[in-house]
């Protein structure tokens, strides 16, 4: 498998988890406020509530360096190139791959 393809697949999975995480948080919010209107097209029963918990556990198991990368690249995206004053492009790419792989290993356990 090419490195670029591997990175792309990891990124796609992280963005999917991020989206599920935020939907899960929204669902949790709606459970606390039952009178809130939910769009009829959204089937809330298909949203796993544990997604937010699994995401947080995976995140908390990362070292601070990898937490920063996952947070800034996927969840609360800072400006493009936020890492350039900290890492060389090669170093950042290596750390980002490790961060994604570690996050996914904790998430999927």
N, C-alpha and C. Protein backbone atom coordinates (compact mmCIF):
# COMPACT_ATOMS: atom_id res chain seq x y z
N UNK A 1 0.85 -1.18 0.00
CA UNK A 1 0.00 0.00 0.00
C UNK A 1 0.89 1.24 0.00
N UNK A 2 0.56 2.17 -0.84
CA UNK A 2 1.32 3.42 -0.91
C UNK A 2 1.09 4.22 0.36
N UNK A 3 2.13 4.98 0.76
CA UNK A 3 2.03 5.80 1.97
C UNK A 3 0.90 6.82 1.85
N UNK A 4 0.80 7.49 0.70
CA UNK A 4 -0.26 8.47 0.50
C UNK A 4 -1.64 7.88 0.64
N UNK A 5 -1.82 6.69 0.13
CA UNK A 5 -3.11 5.99 0.23
C UNK A 5 -3.40 5.62 1.68
N UNK A 6 -2.36 5.17 2.39
CA UNK A 6 -2.51 4.81 3.80
C UNK A 6 -2.92 6.03 4.62
N UNK A 7 -2.24 7.14 4.40
CA UNK A 7 -2.56 8.38 5.12
C UNK A 7 -3.98 8.82 4.82
N UNK A 8 -4.36 8.76 3.57
CA UNK A 8 -5.70 9.16 3.16
C UNK A 8 -6.77 8.31 3.84
N UNK A 9 -6.53 7.01 3.93
CA UNK A 9 -7.50 6.12 4.60
C UNK A 9 -7.59 6.42 6.09
N UNK A 10 -6.44 6.68 6.71
CA UNK A 10 -6.44 7.04 8.12
C UNK A 10 -7.21 8.34 8.35
N UNK A 11 -6.93 9.33 7.50
CA UNK A 11 -7.62 10.62 7.63
C UNK A 11 -9.13 10.46 7.44
N UNK A 12 -9.53 9.69 6.45
CA UNK A 12 -10.96 9.47 6.22
C UNK A 12 -11.62 8.86 7.45
N UNK A 13 -10.96 7.88 8.06
CA UNK A 13 -11.50 7.23 9.25
C UNK A 13 -11.59 8.22 10.42
N UNK A 14 -10.57 9.06 10.57
CA UNK A 14 -10.60 10.05 11.66
C UNK A 14 -11.71 11.07 11.46
N UNK A 15 -11.92 11.52 10.23
CA UNK A 15 -13.01 12.47 9.97
C UNK A 15 -14.37 11.81 10.20
N UNK A 16 -14.48 10.54 9.88
CA UNK A 16 -15.72 9.80 10.14
C UNK A 16 -15.99 9.71 11.64
N UNK A 17 -14.95 9.41 12.41
CA UNK A 17 -15.08 9.35 13.87
C UNK A 17 -15.43 10.72 14.43
N UNK A 18 -14.76 11.76 13.91
CA UNK A 18 -15.05 13.12 14.37
C UNK A 18 -16.53 13.46 14.15
N UNK A 19 -17.04 13.16 12.97
CA UNK A 19 -18.43 13.46 12.66
C UNK A 19 -19.37 12.69 13.59
N UNK A 20 -19.08 11.42 13.80
CA UNK A 20 -19.89 10.60 14.69
C UNK A 20 -19.83 11.12 16.12
N UNK A 21 -18.67 11.57 16.53
CA UNK A 21 -18.49 12.14 17.86
C UNK A 21 -19.40 13.35 18.07
N UNK A 22 -19.39 14.28 17.11
CA UNK A 22 -20.21 15.48 17.28
C UNK A 22 -21.70 15.17 17.17
N UNK A 23 -22.08 14.23 16.33
CA UNK A 23 -23.48 13.82 16.26
C UNK A 23 -23.89 13.16 17.56
N UNK A 24 -23.01 12.35 18.11
CA UNK A 24 -23.28 11.68 19.38
C UNK A 24 -23.47 12.70 20.50
N UNK A 25 -22.63 13.73 20.51
CA UNK A 25 -22.80 14.78 21.52
C UNK A 25 -24.13 15.50 21.34
N UNK A 26 -24.51 15.76 20.11
CA UNK A 26 -25.79 16.41 19.83
C UNK A 26 -26.94 15.54 20.30
N UNK A 27 -26.85 14.25 20.06
CA UNK A 27 -27.89 13.32 20.49
C UNK A 27 -28.00 13.31 22.01
N UNK A 28 -26.86 13.31 22.68
CA UNK A 28 -26.84 13.34 24.14
C UNK A 28 -27.52 14.62 24.65
N UNK A 29 -27.23 15.74 24.00
CA UNK A 29 -27.84 17.02 24.35
C UNK A 29 -29.36 16.94 24.20
N UNK A 30 -29.81 16.34 23.11
CA UNK A 30 -31.25 16.24 22.86
C UNK A 30 -31.93 15.35 23.88
N UNK A 31 -31.24 14.35 24.39
CA UNK A 31 -31.82 13.49 25.43
C UNK A 31 -32.07 14.26 26.71
N UNK A 32 -31.26 15.26 26.98
CA UNK A 32 -31.44 16.08 28.18
C UNK A 32 -32.52 17.14 28.00
N UNK A 33 -32.83 17.45 26.75
CA UNK A 33 -33.85 18.45 26.44
C UNK A 33 -34.86 17.84 25.47
N UNK A 34 -35.76 17.00 25.97
CA UNK A 34 -36.65 16.23 25.10
C UNK A 34 -37.60 17.05 24.25
N UNK A 35 -37.84 18.29 24.57
CA UNK A 35 -38.77 19.11 23.78
C UNK A 35 -38.10 19.74 22.56
N UNK A 36 -36.81 19.51 22.40
CA UNK A 36 -36.07 20.04 21.26
C UNK A 36 -36.53 19.34 19.99
N UNK A 37 -36.74 20.11 18.94
CA UNK A 37 -37.18 19.54 17.68
C UNK A 37 -36.01 18.85 16.96
N UNK A 38 -36.26 17.63 16.51
CA UNK A 38 -35.26 16.87 15.76
C UNK A 38 -35.78 16.75 14.33
N UNK A 39 -34.94 17.03 13.33
CA UNK A 39 -35.39 16.87 11.96
C UNK A 39 -35.87 15.44 11.70
N UNK A 40 -37.01 15.30 11.06
CA UNK A 40 -37.60 13.98 10.85
C UNK A 40 -36.73 13.07 10.00
N UNK A 41 -35.88 13.63 9.16
CA UNK A 41 -35.03 12.81 8.30
C UNK A 41 -33.89 12.16 9.07
N UNK A 42 -33.66 12.61 10.28
CA UNK A 42 -32.54 12.08 11.06
C UNK A 42 -33.05 10.94 11.93
N UNK A 43 -32.52 9.74 11.72
CA UNK A 43 -32.89 8.59 12.53
C UNK A 43 -31.95 8.49 13.72
N UNK A 44 -32.37 9.04 14.82
CA UNK A 44 -31.50 9.13 15.99
C UNK A 44 -31.16 7.77 16.60
N UNK A 45 -31.98 6.76 16.38
CA UNK A 45 -31.70 5.47 16.98
C UNK A 45 -30.50 4.78 16.36
N UNK A 46 -30.03 5.24 15.23
CA UNK A 46 -28.87 4.63 14.59
C UNK A 46 -27.55 5.27 15.03
N UNK A 47 -27.62 6.24 15.89
CA UNK A 47 -26.40 6.93 16.34
C UNK A 47 -25.93 6.28 17.64
N UNK A 48 -24.76 5.65 17.61
CA UNK A 48 -24.26 5.03 18.84
C UNK A 48 -23.79 6.09 19.84
N UNK A 49 -24.44 6.14 20.98
CA UNK A 49 -24.11 7.11 22.02
C UNK A 49 -22.69 6.90 22.53
N UNK A 50 -22.23 5.66 22.48
CA UNK A 50 -20.89 5.39 23.02
C UNK A 50 -19.79 5.99 22.15
N UNK A 51 -20.10 6.52 20.98
CA UNK A 51 -19.08 7.10 20.10
C UNK A 51 -18.32 8.22 20.81
N UNK A 52 -19.02 9.06 21.53
CA UNK A 52 -18.36 10.17 22.24
C UNK A 52 -17.44 9.63 23.32
N UNK A 53 -17.89 8.62 24.03
CA UNK A 53 -17.08 8.05 25.10
C UNK A 53 -15.85 7.35 24.53
N UNK A 54 -16.05 6.57 23.48
CA UNK A 54 -14.92 5.87 22.85
C UNK A 54 -13.91 6.88 22.30
N UNK A 55 -14.39 7.96 21.73
CA UNK A 55 -13.51 8.99 21.19
C UNK A 55 -12.69 9.64 22.29
N UNK A 56 -13.34 9.97 23.39
CA UNK A 56 -12.64 10.60 24.51
C UNK A 56 -11.60 9.67 25.13
N UNK A 57 -11.94 8.40 25.27
CA UNK A 57 -11.00 7.43 25.82
C UNK A 57 -9.78 7.30 24.91
N UNK A 58 -10.01 7.19 23.61
CA UNK A 58 -8.90 7.08 22.66
C UNK A 58 -8.02 8.32 22.75
N UNK A 59 -8.65 9.48 22.80
CA UNK A 59 -7.91 10.75 22.88
C UNK A 59 -7.09 10.83 24.16
N UNK A 60 -7.69 10.48 25.27
CA UNK A 60 -7.01 10.58 26.57
C UNK A 60 -5.84 9.61 26.68
N UNK A 61 -5.84 8.52 25.92
CA UNK A 61 -4.75 7.56 25.95
C UNK A 61 -3.53 8.02 25.15
N UNK A 62 -3.69 9.07 24.38
CA UNK A 62 -2.58 9.59 23.58
C UNK A 62 -1.67 10.47 24.43
N UNK A 63 -0.41 10.56 24.05
CA UNK A 63 0.49 11.51 24.71
C UNK A 63 0.07 12.92 24.29
N UNK A 64 0.48 13.93 25.05
CA UNK A 64 0.09 15.31 24.71
C UNK A 64 0.46 15.73 23.28
N UNK A 65 1.58 15.27 22.78
CA UNK A 65 1.98 15.62 21.41
C UNK A 65 0.96 15.09 20.41
N UNK A 66 0.56 13.84 20.57
CA UNK A 66 -0.39 13.24 19.64
C UNK A 66 -1.80 13.79 19.85
N UNK A 67 -2.13 14.14 21.08
CA UNK A 67 -3.42 14.79 21.33
C UNK A 67 -3.51 16.10 20.56
N UNK A 68 -2.44 16.87 20.60
CA UNK A 68 -2.41 18.16 19.90
C UNK A 68 -2.62 17.95 18.40
N UNK A 69 -1.97 16.96 17.84
CA UNK A 69 -2.10 16.70 16.40
C UNK A 69 -3.52 16.27 16.05
N UNK A 70 -4.07 15.33 16.79
CA UNK A 70 -5.44 14.86 16.51
C UNK A 70 -6.43 16.00 16.69
N UNK A 71 -6.29 16.75 17.75
CA UNK A 71 -7.20 17.86 18.00
C UNK A 71 -7.12 18.92 16.91
N UNK A 72 -5.92 19.34 16.56
CA UNK A 72 -5.76 20.43 15.60
C UNK A 72 -6.02 20.01 14.16
N UNK A 73 -5.79 18.76 13.85
CA UNK A 73 -5.98 18.29 12.47
C UNK A 73 -7.39 17.79 12.20
N UNK A 74 -8.10 17.32 13.22
CA UNK A 74 -9.38 16.66 12.96
C UNK A 74 -10.56 17.22 13.74
N UNK A 75 -10.40 17.56 14.99
CA UNK A 75 -11.57 17.93 15.78
C UNK A 75 -11.81 19.43 15.81
N UNK A 76 -10.88 20.17 16.30
CA UNK A 76 -11.03 21.62 16.35
C UNK A 76 -9.92 22.21 15.50
N UNK A 77 -10.14 22.13 14.23
CA UNK A 77 -9.10 22.46 13.26
C UNK A 77 -8.67 23.92 13.40
N UNK A 78 -7.39 24.07 13.69
CA UNK A 78 -6.79 25.40 13.73
C UNK A 78 -6.50 25.84 12.31
N UNK A 79 -5.79 26.90 12.17
CA UNK A 79 -5.42 27.38 10.85
C UNK A 79 -4.52 26.38 10.16
N UNK A 80 -4.56 26.38 8.85
CA UNK A 80 -3.73 25.50 8.04
C UNK A 80 -2.26 25.77 8.34
N UNK A 81 -1.50 24.74 8.54
CA UNK A 81 -0.07 24.91 8.79
C UNK A 81 0.27 25.29 10.22
N UNK A 82 -0.63 25.05 11.17
CA UNK A 82 -0.41 25.39 12.57
C UNK A 82 0.89 24.78 13.10
N UNK A 83 1.31 23.69 12.53
CA UNK A 83 2.45 22.91 13.00
C UNK A 83 3.79 23.39 12.46
N UNK A 84 3.79 24.28 11.50
CA UNK A 84 5.02 24.64 10.79
C UNK A 84 6.09 25.29 11.67
N UNK A 85 5.71 25.95 12.74
CA UNK A 85 6.69 26.54 13.65
C UNK A 85 7.21 25.52 14.66
N UNK A 86 6.60 24.33 14.66
CA UNK A 86 6.96 23.30 15.65
C UNK A 86 7.74 22.15 15.02
N UNK A 87 7.29 21.73 13.83
CA UNK A 87 7.87 20.53 13.20
C UNK A 87 8.31 20.83 11.77
N UNK A 88 9.26 20.05 11.30
CA UNK A 88 9.58 20.07 9.86
C UNK A 88 8.46 19.29 9.16
N UNK A 89 8.27 19.47 7.86
CA UNK A 89 7.22 18.72 7.16
C UNK A 89 7.36 17.20 7.32
N UNK A 90 8.58 16.70 7.23
CA UNK A 90 8.82 15.26 7.37
C UNK A 90 8.47 14.79 8.78
N UNK A 91 8.93 15.54 9.77
CA UNK A 91 8.66 15.18 11.16
C UNK A 91 7.16 15.22 11.46
N UNK A 92 6.48 16.24 10.94
CA UNK A 92 5.05 16.35 11.18
C UNK A 92 4.30 15.18 10.54
N UNK A 93 4.65 14.84 9.32
CA UNK A 93 4.00 13.74 8.62
C UNK A 93 4.17 12.44 9.41
N UNK A 94 5.37 12.19 9.90
CA UNK A 94 5.64 10.99 10.69
C UNK A 94 4.82 10.98 11.98
N UNK A 95 4.81 12.11 12.67
CA UNK A 95 4.06 12.20 13.93
C UNK A 95 2.55 12.10 13.70
N UNK A 96 2.08 12.68 12.61
CA UNK A 96 0.65 12.62 12.31
C UNK A 96 0.22 11.18 12.03
N UNK A 97 1.02 10.45 11.28
CA UNK A 97 0.70 9.04 11.00
C UNK A 97 0.65 8.25 12.30
N UNK A 98 1.65 8.44 13.16
CA UNK A 98 1.67 7.74 14.44
C UNK A 98 0.46 8.12 15.28
N UNK A 99 0.14 9.40 15.33
CA UNK A 99 -1.01 9.88 16.11
C UNK A 99 -2.30 9.24 15.62
N UNK A 100 -2.49 9.20 14.30
CA UNK A 100 -3.71 8.62 13.75
C UNK A 100 -3.78 7.12 14.05
N UNK A 101 -2.67 6.42 13.85
CA UNK A 101 -2.66 4.97 14.10
C UNK A 101 -2.91 4.66 15.57
N UNK A 102 -2.29 5.40 16.46
CA UNK A 102 -2.50 5.18 17.90
C UNK A 102 -3.94 5.49 18.28
N UNK A 103 -4.46 6.61 17.80
CA UNK A 103 -5.84 6.98 18.11
C UNK A 103 -6.79 5.88 17.66
N UNK A 104 -6.62 5.41 16.43
CA UNK A 104 -7.51 4.37 15.91
C UNK A 104 -7.36 3.06 16.66
N UNK A 105 -6.15 2.74 17.08
CA UNK A 105 -5.97 1.49 17.84
C UNK A 105 -6.70 1.56 19.17
N UNK A 106 -6.64 2.71 19.84
CA UNK A 106 -7.37 2.87 21.11
C UNK A 106 -8.88 2.92 20.85
N UNK A 107 -9.28 3.58 19.80
CA UNK A 107 -10.72 3.71 19.49
C UNK A 107 -11.35 2.36 19.18
N UNK A 108 -10.62 1.54 18.44
CA UNK A 108 -11.19 0.28 17.97
C UNK A 108 -11.05 -0.87 18.98
N UNK A 109 -10.30 -0.65 20.06
CA UNK A 109 -10.17 -1.69 21.10
C UNK A 109 -11.44 -1.84 21.90
